[in-house]
Amino acid sequence: MLWYILKLVILLPLIGGLAWASLKFAKRMEGRFGTAPGARAVKIVETQMLSPTLRLAVLEFHGREILVSVSKTGLVRLAEAPARPRTDAAED
């Protein structure tokens, strides 16, 4: 019984530390292999859930805002308009 508790005390923090280190490493490598934060062509402006399987999303792409319906079967473009000027301040 003592041997089991000793192994548990040693291995549990070791496994937790390895999981934490792998998450930190993946986060650090994400910046090197992904795109730069400001260089994305598509931005999600807003989403609205209509039902558990259906939601609306506004995507910004090359100066256009595109309204799409998102479901299990895929995306459907509903409307398109010029992008509105964005303000960084929170609107109350």
PDB file of N, CA and C in Angstrom:
ATOM      1  N   MET A   1       0.827  -1.190   0.000  1.00  0.00           N
ATOM      2  CA  MET A   1       0.000   0.000   0.000  1.00  0.00           C
ATOM      3  C   MET A   1       0.876   1.260   0.000  1.00  0.00           C
ATOM      4  N   LEU A   2       1.927   1.227   0.766  1.00  0.00           N
ATOM      5  CA  LEU A   2       2.826   2.376   0.830  1.00  0.00           C
ATOM      6  C   LEU A   2       3.490   2.623  -0.518  1.00  0.00           C
ATOM      7  N   TRP A   3       3.843   1.527  -1.220  1.00  0.00           N
ATOM      8  CA  TRP A   3       4.475   1.659  -2.535  1.00  0.00           C
ATOM      9  C   TRP A   3       3.515   2.338  -3.526  1.00  0.00           C
ATOM     10  N   TYR A   4       2.228   1.999  -3.490  1.00  0.00           N
ATOM     11  CA  TYR A   4       1.222   2.600  -4.369  1.00  0.00           C
ATOM     12  C   TYR A   4       1.099   4.104  -4.110  1.00  0.00           C
ATOM     13  N   ILE A   5       1.039   4.501  -2.864  1.00  0.00           N
ATOM     14  CA  ILE A   5       0.913   5.925  -2.516  1.00  0.00           C
ATOM     15  C   ILE A   5       2.168   6.675  -2.917  1.00  0.00           C
ATOM     16  N   LEU A   6       3.335   6.079  -2.732  1.00  0.00           N
ATOM     17  CA  LEU A   6       4.590   6.710  -3.127  1.00  0.00           C
ATOM     18  C   LEU A   6       4.638   6.943  -4.639  1.00  0.00           C
ATOM     19  N   LYS A   7       4.226   5.924  -5.419  1.00  0.00           N
ATOM     20  CA  LYS A   7       4.185   6.098  -6.872  1.00  0.00           C
ATOM     21  C   LYS A   7       3.186   7.177  -7.265  1.00  0.00           C
ATOM     22  N   LEU A   8       2.045   7.226  -6.605  1.00  0.00           N
ATOM     23  CA  LEU A   8       1.024   8.224  -6.897  1.00  0.00           C
ATOM     24  C   LEU A   8       1.536   9.634  -6.607  1.00  0.00           C
ATOM     25  N   VAL A   9       2.218   9.795  -5.489  1.00  0.00           N
ATOM     26  CA  VAL A   9       2.744  11.115  -5.111  1.00  0.00           C
ATOM     27  C   VAL A   9       3.817  11.573  -6.096  1.00  0.00           C
ATOM     28  N   ILE A  10       4.585  10.660  -6.644  1.00  0.00           N
ATOM     29  CA  ILE A  10       5.650  11.027  -7.579  1.00  0.00           C
ATOM     30  C   ILE A  10       5.116  11.206  -8.995  1.00  0.00           C
ATOM     31  N   LEU A  11       4.292  10.276  -9.468  1.00  0.00           N
ATOM     32  CA  LEU A  11       3.873  10.291 -10.865  1.00  0.00           C
ATOM     33  C   LEU A  11       2.766  11.301 -11.180  1.00  0.00           C
ATOM     34  N   LEU A  12       1.870  11.543 -10.254  1.00  0.00           N
ATOM     35  CA  LEU A  12       0.778  12.477 -10.534  1.00  0.00           C
ATOM     36  C   LEU A  12       1.278  13.895 -10.818  1.00  0.00           C
ATOM     37  N   PRO A  13       2.154  14.480  -9.995  1.00  0.00           N
ATOM     38  CA  PRO A  13       2.696  15.796 -10.356  1.00  0.00           C
ATOM     39  C   PRO A  13       3.548  15.771 -11.628  1.00  0.00           C
ATOM     40  N   LEU A  14       4.236  14.654 -11.873  1.00  0.00           N
ATOM     41  CA  LEU A  14       5.044  14.537 -13.079  1.00  0.00           C
ATOM     42  C   LEU A  14       4.156  14.574 -14.326  1.00  0.00           C
ATOM     43  N   ILE A  15       3.063  13.840 -14.314  1.00  0.00           N
ATOM     44  CA  ILE A  15       2.142  13.833 -15.460  1.00  0.00           C
ATOM     45  C   ILE A  15       1.481  15.199 -15.622  1.00  0.00           C
ATOM     46  N   GLY A  16       1.082  15.815 -14.521  1.00  0.00           N
ATOM     47  CA  GLY A  16       0.497  17.163 -14.587  1.00  0.00           C
ATOM     48  C   GLY A  16       1.484  18.179 -15.138  1.00  0.00           C
ATOM     49  N   GLY A  17       2.735  18.087 -14.723  1.00  0.00           N
ATOM     50  CA  GLY A  17       3.766  18.994 -15.223  1.00  0.00           C
ATOM     51  C   GLY A  17       4.033  18.805 -16.703  1.00  0.00           C
ATOM     52  N   LEU A  18       4.035  17.551 -17.154  1.00  0.00           N
ATOM     53  CA  LEU A  18       4.227  17.291 -18.581  1.00  0.00           C
ATOM     54  C   LEU A  18       3.061  17.832 -19.404  1.00  0.00           C
ATOM     55  N   ALA A  19       1.835  17.687 -18.913  1.00  0.00           N
ATOM     56  CA  ALA A  19       0.676  18.230 -19.621  1.00  0.00           C
ATOM     57  C   ALA A  19       0.758  19.752 -19.692  1.00  0.00           C
ATOM     58  N   TRP A  20       1.116  20.392 -18.584  1.00  0.00           N
ATOM     59  CA  TRP A  20       1.238  21.852 -18.551  1.00  0.00           C
ATOM     60  C   TRP A  20       2.340  22.318 -19.510  1.00  0.00           C
ATOM     61  N   ALA A  21       3.480  21.635 -19.493  1.00  0.00           N
ATOM     62  CA  ALA A  21       4.596  22.016 -20.365  1.00  0.00           C
ATOM     63  C   ALA A  21       4.241  21.837 -21.835  1.00  0.00           C
ATOM     64  N   SER A  22       3.517  20.778 -22.166  1.00  0.00           N
ATOM     65  CA  SER A  22       3.138  20.585 -23.570  1.00  0.00           C
ATOM     66  C   SER A  22       2.155  21.655 -24.028  1.00  0.00           C
ATOM     67  N   LEU A  23       1.248  22.088 -23.162  1.00  0.00           N
ATOM     68  CA  LEU A  23       0.334  23.179 -23.526  1.00  0.00           C
ATOM     69  C   LEU A  23       1.080  24.489 -23.729  1.00  0.00           C
ATOM     70  N   LYS A  24       2.031  24.786 -22.851  1.00  0.00           N
ATOM     71  CA  LYS A  24       2.842  26.003 -23.007  1.00  0.00           C
ATOM     72  C   LYS A  24       3.659  25.954 -24.297  1.00  0.00           C
ATOM     73  N   PHE A  25       4.240  24.799 -24.598  1.00  0.00           N
ATOM     74  CA  PHE A  25       5.032  24.645 -25.810  1.00  0.00           C
ATOM     75  C   PHE A  25       4.158  24.817 -27.054  1.00  0.00           C
ATOM     76  N   ALA A  26       2.967  24.239 -27.043  1.00  0.00           N
ATOM     77  CA  ALA A  26       2.057  24.371 -28.186  1.00  0.00           C
ATOM     78  C   ALA A  26       1.637  25.830 -28.371  1.00  0.00           C
ATOM     79  N   LYS A  27       1.393  26.536 -27.292  1.00  0.00           N
ATOM     80  CA  LYS A  27       1.016  27.947 -27.372  1.00  0.00           C
ATOM     81  C   LYS A  27       2.161  28.781 -27.955  1.00  0.00           C
ATOM     82  N   ARG A  28       3.383  28.476 -27.563  1.00  0.00           N
ATOM     83  CA  ARG A  28       4.537  29.209 -28.072  1.00  0.00           C
ATOM     84  C   ARG A  28       4.784  28.912 -29.551  1.00  0.00           C
ATOM     85  N   MET A  29       4.595  27.681 -29.963  1.00  0.00           N
ATOM     86  CA  MET A  29       4.818  27.298 -31.356  1.00  0.00           C
ATOM     87  C   MET A  29       3.687  27.776 -32.276  1.00  0.00           C
ATOM     88  N   GLU A  30       2.531  28.068 -31.713  1.00  0.00           N
ATOM     89  CA  GLU A  30       1.394  28.519 -32.510  1.00  0.00           C
ATOM     90  C   GLU A  30       1.726  29.801 -33.265  1.00  0.00           C
ATOM     91  N   GLY A  31       2.432  30.696 -32.648  1.00  0.00           N
ATOM     92  CA  GLY A  31       2.805  31.943 -33.294  1.00  0.00           C
ATOM     93  C   GLY A  31       3.802  31.765 -34.427  1.00  0.00           C
ATOM     94  N   ARG A  32       4.632  30.763 -34.340  1.00  0.00           N
ATOM     95  CA  ARG A  32       5.653  30.549 -35.371  1.00  0.00           C
ATOM     96  C   ARG A  32       5.089  29.905 -36.622  1.00  0.00           C
ATOM     97  N   PHE A  33       4.147  29.005 -36.463  1.00  0.00           N
ATOM     98  CA  PHE A  33       3.635  28.271 -37.610  1.00  0.00           C
ATOM     99  C   PHE A  33       2.304  28.798 -38.107  1.00  0.00           C
ATOM    100  N   GLY A  34       1.598  29.589 -37.316  1.00  0.00           N
ATOM    101  CA  GLY A  34       0.333  30.172 -37.733  1.00  0.00           C
ATOM    102  C   GLY A  34       0.568  31.515 -38.401  1.00  0.00           C
ATOM    103  N   THR A  35      -0.506  32.220 -38.682  1.00  0.00           N
ATOM    104  CA  THR A  35      -0.384  33.549 -39.266  1.00  0.00           C
ATOM    105  C   THR A  35      -0.168  34.571 -38.161  1.00  0.00           C
ATOM    106  N   ALA A  36       0.353  35.710 -38.527  1.00  0.00           N
ATOM    107  CA  ALA A  36       0.546  36.782 -37.569  1.00  0.00           C
ATOM    108  C   ALA A  36      -0.820  37.296 -37.116  1.00  0.00           C
ATOM    109  N   PRO A  37      -0.949  37.793 -35.883  1.00  0.00           N
ATOM    110  CA  PRO A  37      -2.250  38.203 -35.379  1.00  0.00           C
ATOM    111  C   PRO A  37      -2.947  39.264 -36.231  1.00  0.00           C
ATOM    112  N   GLY A  38      -2.222  40.183 -36.835  1.00  0.00           N
ATOM    113  CA  GLY A  38      -2.841  41.233 -37.625  1.00  0.00           C
ATOM    114  C   GLY A  38      -2.993  40.896 -39.096  1.00  0.00           C
ATOM    115  N   ALA A  39      -2.527  39.735 -39.539  1.00  0.00           N
ATOM    116  CA  ALA A  39      -2.499  39.426 -40.954  1.00  0.00           C
ATOM    117  C   ALA A  39      -3.641  38.516 -41.406  1.00  0.00           C
ATOM    118  N   ARG A  40      -4.662  38.355 -40.613  1.00  0.00           N
ATOM    119  CA  ARG A  40      -5.769  37.475 -40.988  1.00  0.00           C
ATOM    120  C   ARG A  40      -6.692  38.180 -41.968  1.00  0.00           C
ATOM    121  N   ALA A  41      -7.132  37.453 -42.973  1.00  0.00           N
ATOM    122  CA  ALA A  41      -8.010  38.022 -43.992  1.00  0.00           C
ATOM    123  C   ALA A  41      -9.474  37.976 -43.562  1.00  0.00           C
ATOM    124  N   VAL A  42      -9.845  36.989 -42.749  1.00  0.00           N
ATOM    125  CA  VAL A  42     -11.234  36.831 -42.324  1.00  0.00           C
ATOM    126  C   VAL A  42     -11.324  37.079 -40.826  1.00  0.00           C
ATOM    127  N   LYS A  43     -12.276  37.925 -40.427  1.00  0.00           N
ATOM    128  CA  LYS A  43     -12.511  38.196 -39.010  1.00  0.00           C
ATOM    129  C   LYS A  43     -13.974  37.928 -38.704  1.00  0.00           C
ATOM    130  N   ILE A  44     -14.250  37.309 -37.567  1.00  0.00           N
ATOM    131  CA  ILE A  44     -15.622  37.110 -37.118  1.00  0.00           C
ATOM    132  C   ILE A  44     -16.021  38.364 -36.341  1.00  0.00           C
ATOM    133  N   VAL A  45     -16.987  39.098 -36.874  1.00  0.00           N
ATOM    134  CA  VAL A  45     -17.418  40.343 -36.256  1.00  0.00           C
ATOM    135  C   VAL A  45     -18.412  40.068 -35.140  1.00  0.00           C
ATOM    136  N   GLU A  46     -19.397  39.203 -35.409  1.00  0.00           N
ATOM    137  CA  GLU A  46     -20.448  38.937 -34.434  1.00  0.00           C
ATOM    138  C   GLU A  46     -21.105  37.596 -34.752  1.00  0.00           C
ATOM    139  N   THR A  47     -21.589  36.914 -33.721  1.00  0.00           N
ATOM    140  CA  THR A  47     -22.367  35.698 -33.913  1.00  0.00           C
ATOM    141  C   THR A  47     -23.638  35.783 -33.079  1.00  0.00           C
ATOM    142  N   GLN A  48     -24.681  35.130 -33.553  1.00  0.00           N
ATOM    143  CA  GLN A  48     -25.967  35.101 -32.842  1.00  0.00           C
ATOM    144  C   GLN A  48     -26.544  33.698 -32.966  1.00  0.00           C
ATOM    145  N   MET A  49     -26.820  33.049 -31.846  1.00  0.00           N
ATOM    146  CA  MET A  49     -27.385  31.706 -31.879  1.00  0.00           C
ATOM    147  C   MET A  49     -28.897  31.804 -32.051  1.00  0.00           C
ATOM    148  N   LEU A  50     -29.421  31.123 -33.062  1.00  0.00           N
ATOM    149  CA  LEU A  50     -30.865  31.105 -33.305  1.00  0.00           C
ATOM    150  C   LEU A  50     -31.515  29.866 -32.700  1.00  0.00           C
ATOM    151  N   SER A  51     -30.839  28.744 -32.744  1.00  0.00           N
ATOM    152  CA  SER A  51     -31.303  27.498 -32.142  1.00  0.00           C
ATOM    153  C   SER A  51     -30.057  26.681 -31.812  1.00  0.00           C
ATOM    154  N   PRO A  52     -30.207  25.540 -31.139  1.00  0.00           N
ATOM    155  CA  PRO A  52     -29.013  24.753 -30.805  1.00  0.00           C
ATOM    156  C   PRO A  52     -28.206  24.293 -32.023  1.00  0.00           C
ATOM    157  N   THR A  53     -28.833  24.213 -33.187  1.00  0.00           N
ATOM    158  CA  THR A  53     -28.103  23.750 -34.370  1.00  0.00           C
ATOM    159  C   THR A  53     -27.916  24.826 -35.424  1.00  0.00           C
ATOM    160  N   LEU A  54     -28.378  26.054 -35.172  1.00  0.00           N
ATOM    161  CA  LEU A  54     -28.311  27.101 -36.189  1.00  0.00           C
ATOM    162  C   LEU A  54     -27.866  28.415 -35.563  1.00  0.00           C
ATOM    163  N   ARG A  55     -26.911  29.065 -36.223  1.00  0.00           N
ATOM    164  CA  ARG A  55     -26.488  30.386 -35.759  1.00  0.00           C
ATOM    165  C   ARG A  55     -26.180  31.270 -36.950  1.00  0.00           C
ATOM    166  N   LEU A  56     -26.255  32.578 -36.723  1.00  0.00           N
ATOM    167  CA  LEU A  56     -25.887  33.570 -37.731  1.00  0.00           C
ATOM    168  C   LEU A  56     -24.529  34.129 -37.361  1.00  0.00           C
ATOM    169  N   ALA A  57     -23.734  34.431 -38.366  1.00  0.00           N
ATOM    170  CA  ALA A  57     -22.419  35.014 -38.127  1.00  0.00           C
ATOM    171  C   ALA A  57     -22.162  36.103 -39.156  1.00  0.00           C
ATOM    172  N   VAL A  58     -21.528  37.177 -38.708  1.00  0.00           N
ATOM    173  CA  VAL A  58     -21.096  38.250 -39.600  1.00  0.00           C
ATOM    174  C   VAL A  58     -19.583  38.134 -39.711  1.00  0.00           C
ATOM    175  N   LEU A  59     -19.108  37.930 -40.944  1.00  0.00           N
ATOM    176  CA  LEU A  59     -17.686  37.798 -41.223  1.00  0.00           C
ATOM    177  C   LEU A  59     -17.217  39.021 -41.988  1.00  0.00           C
ATOM    178  N   GLU A  60     -16.039  39.525 -41.646  1.00  0.00           N
ATOM    179  CA  GLU A  60     -15.445  40.632 -42.393  1.00  0.00           C
ATOM    180  C   GLU A  60     -14.344  40.057 -43.278  1.00  0.00           C
ATOM    181  N   PHE A  61     -14.433  40.351 -44.578  1.00  0.00           N
ATOM    182  CA  PHE A  61     -13.469  39.818 -45.534  1.00  0.00           C
ATOM    183  C   PHE A  61     -13.200  40.870 -46.599  1.00  0.00           C
ATOM    184  N   HIS A  62     -11.974  41.372 -46.662  1.00  0.00           N
ATOM    185  CA  HIS A  62     -11.535  42.363 -47.648  1.00  0.00           C
ATOM    186  C   HIS A  62     -12.497  43.552 -47.745  1.00  0.00           C
ATOM    187  N   GLY A  63     -12.810  44.142 -46.600  1.00  0.00           N
ATOM    188  CA  GLY A  63     -13.632  45.336 -46.590  1.00  0.00           C
ATOM    189  C   GLY A  63     -15.115  45.090 -46.808  1.00  0.00           C
ATOM    190  N   ARG A  64     -15.551  43.859 -46.744  1.00  0.00           N
ATOM    191  CA  ARG A  64     -16.964  43.513 -46.900  1.00  0.00           C
ATOM    192  C   ARG A  64     -17.416  42.753 -45.656  1.00  0.00           C
ATOM    193  N   GLU A  65     -18.663  42.960 -45.255  1.00  0.00           N
ATOM    194  CA  GLU A  65     -19.268  42.171 -44.193  1.00  0.00           C
ATOM    195  C   GLU A  65     -20.225  41.185 -44.829  1.00  0.00           C
ATOM    196  N   ILE A  66     -20.069  39.921 -44.491  1.00  0.00           N
ATOM    197  CA  ILE A  66     -20.866  38.862 -45.095  1.00  0.00           C
ATOM    198  C   ILE A  66     -21.657  38.176 -43.982  1.00  0.00           C
ATOM    199  N   LEU A  67     -22.982  38.133 -44.132  1.00  0.00           N
ATOM    200  CA  LEU A  67     -23.850  37.450 -43.181  1.00  0.00           C
ATOM    201  C   LEU A  67     -24.023  36.013 -43.645  1.00  0.00           C
ATOM    202  N   VAL A  68     -23.684  35.059 -42.767  1.00  0.00           N
ATOM    203  CA  VAL A  68     -23.794  33.645 -43.119  1.00  0.00           C
ATOM    204  C   VAL A  68     -24.622  32.916 -42.071  1.00  0.00           C
ATOM    205  N   SER A  69     -25.258  31.856 -42.524  1.00  0.00           N
ATOM    206  CA  SER A  69     -25.977  30.946 -41.646  1.00  0.00           C
ATOM    207  C   SER A  69     -25.077  29.741 -41.423  1.00  0.00           C
ATOM    208  N   VAL A  70     -24.873  29.364 -40.178  1.00  0.00           N
ATOM    209  CA  VAL A  70     -23.982  28.266 -39.834  1.00  0.00           C
ATOM    210  C   VAL A  70     -24.814  27.144 -39.228  1.00  0.00           C
ATOM    211  N   SER A  71     -24.734  25.954 -39.814  1.00  0.00           N
ATOM    212  CA  SER A  71     -25.450  24.791 -39.288  1.00  0.00           C
ATOM    213  C   SER A  71     -24.553  23.576 -39.407  1.00  0.00           C
ATOM    214  N   LYS A  72     -25.082  22.418 -39.032  1.00  0.00           N
ATOM    215  CA  LYS A  72     -24.304  21.181 -39.125  1.00  0.00           C
ATOM    216  C   LYS A  72     -23.951  20.843 -40.567  1.00  0.00           C
ATOM    217  N   THR A  73     -24.793  21.269 -41.499  1.00  0.00           N
ATOM    218  CA  THR A  73     -24.552  20.938 -42.905  1.00  0.00           C
ATOM    219  C   THR A  73     -23.570  21.882 -43.572  1.00  0.00           C
ATOM    220  N   GLY A  74     -23.271  23.035 -42.976  1.00  0.00           N
ATOM    221  CA  GLY A  74     -22.290  23.941 -43.560  1.00  0.00           C
ATOM    222  C   GLY A  74     -22.689  25.398 -43.438  1.00  0.00           C
ATOM    223  N   LEU A  75     -22.117  26.232 -44.304  1.00  0.00           N
ATOM    224  CA  LEU A  75     -22.358  27.681 -44.323  1.00  0.00           C
ATOM    225  C   LEU A  75     -23.197  28.045 -45.536  1.00  0.00           C
ATOM    226  N   VAL A  76     -24.090  29.031 -45.348  1.00  0.00           N
ATOM    227  CA  VAL A  76     -24.876  29.561 -46.447  1.00  0.00           C
ATOM    228  C   VAL A  76     -24.779  31.081 -46.376  1.00  0.00           C
ATOM    229  N   ARG A  77     -24.319  31.708 -47.463  1.00  0.00           N
ATOM    230  CA  ARG A  77     -24.224  33.169 -47.492  1.00  0.00           C
ATOM    231  C   ARG A  77     -25.624  33.746 -47.649  1.00  0.00           C
ATOM    232  N   LEU A  78     -25.984  34.665 -46.756  1.00  0.00           N
ATOM    233  CA  LEU A  78     -27.317  35.255 -46.774  1.00  0.00           C
ATOM    234  C   LEU A  78     -27.313  36.676 -47.328  1.00  0.00           C
ATOM    235  N   ALA A  79     -26.304  37.474 -46.958  1.00  0.00           N
ATOM    236  CA  ALA A  79     -26.262  38.866 -47.408  1.00  0.00           C
ATOM    237  C   ALA A  79     -24.831  39.361 -47.363  1.00  0.00           C
ATOM    238  N   GLU A  80     -24.602  40.490 -48.053  1.00  0.00           N
ATOM    239  CA  GLU A  80     -23.269  41.080 -48.103  1.00  0.00           C
ATOM    240  C   GLU A  80     -23.422  42.591 -48.133  1.00  0.00           C
ATOM    241  N   ALA A  81     -22.532  43.304 -47.448  1.00  0.00           N
ATOM    242  CA  ALA A  81     -22.582  44.763 -47.396  1.00  0.00           C
ATOM    243  C   ALA A  81     -21.172  45.294 -47.161  1.00  0.00           C
ATOM    244  N   PRO A  82     -20.942  46.581 -47.459  1.00  0.00           N
ATOM    245  CA  PRO A  82     -19.631  47.167 -47.139  1.00  0.00           C
ATOM    246  C   PRO A  82     -19.410  47.151 -45.629  1.00  0.00           C
ATOM    247  N   ALA A  83     -18.171  46.986 -45.218  1.00  0.00           N
ATOM    248  CA  ALA A  83     -17.857  46.939 -43.789  1.00  0.00           C
ATOM    249  C   ALA A  83     -18.057  48.306 -43.159  1.00  0.00           C
ATOM    250  N   ARG A  84     -18.591  48.284 -41.944  1.00  0.00           N
ATOM    251  CA  ARG A  84     -18.767  49.526 -41.176  1.00  0.00           C
ATOM    252  C   ARG A  84     -17.448  49.880 -40.505  1.00  0.00           C
ATOM    253  N   PRO A  85     -17.200  51.173 -40.292  1.00  0.00           N
ATOM    254  CA  PRO A  85     -16.000  51.545 -39.532  1.00  0.00           C
ATOM    255  C   PRO A  85     -16.109  51.010 -38.103  1.00  0.00           C
ATOM    256  N   ARG A  86     -15.052  50.386 -37.626  1.00  0.00           N
ATOM    257  CA  ARG A  86     -15.073  49.775 -36.293  1.00  0.00           C
ATOM    258  C   ARG A  86     -14.517  50.743 -35.266  1.00  0.00           C
ATOM    259  N   THR A  87     -15.128  50.785 -34.103  1.00  0.00           N
ATOM    260  CA  THR A  87     -14.620  51.563 -32.978  1.00  0.00           C
ATOM    261  C   THR A  87     -14.067  50.599 -31.952  1.00  0.00           C
ATOM    262  N   ASP A  88     -12.927  50.949 -31.351  1.00  0.00           N
ATOM    263  CA  ASP A  88     -12.299  50.073 -30.368  1.00  0.00           C
ATOM    264  C   ASP A  88     -12.930  50.226 -28.996  1.00  0.00           C
ATOM    265  N   ALA A  89     -13.605  51.346 -28.744  1.00  0.00           N
ATOM    266  CA  ALA A  89     -14.234  51.565 -27.450  1.00  0.00           C
ATOM    267  C   ALA A  89     -15.479  50.696 -27.320  1.00  0.00           C
ATOM    268  N   ALA A  90     -15.714  50.204 -26.121  1.00  0.00           N
ATOM    269  CA  ALA A  90     -16.907  49.372 -25.883  1.00  0.00           C
ATOM    270  C   ALA A  90     -18.144  50.245 -25.907  1.00  0.00           C
ATOM    271  N   GLU A  91     -19.171  49.761 -26.559  1.00  0.00           N
ATOM    272  CA  GLU A  91     -20.416  50.514 -26.651  1.00  0.00           C
ATOM    273  C   GLU A  91     -21.351  50.046 -25.542  1.00  0.00           C
ATOM    274  N   ASP A  92     -21.851  51.007 -24.750  1.00  0.00           N
ATOM    275  CA  ASP A  92     -22.743  50.655 -23.626  1.00  0.00           C
ATOM    276  C   ASP A  92     -24.157  50.943 -23.993  1.00  0.00           C
TER     277      ASP A  92
END
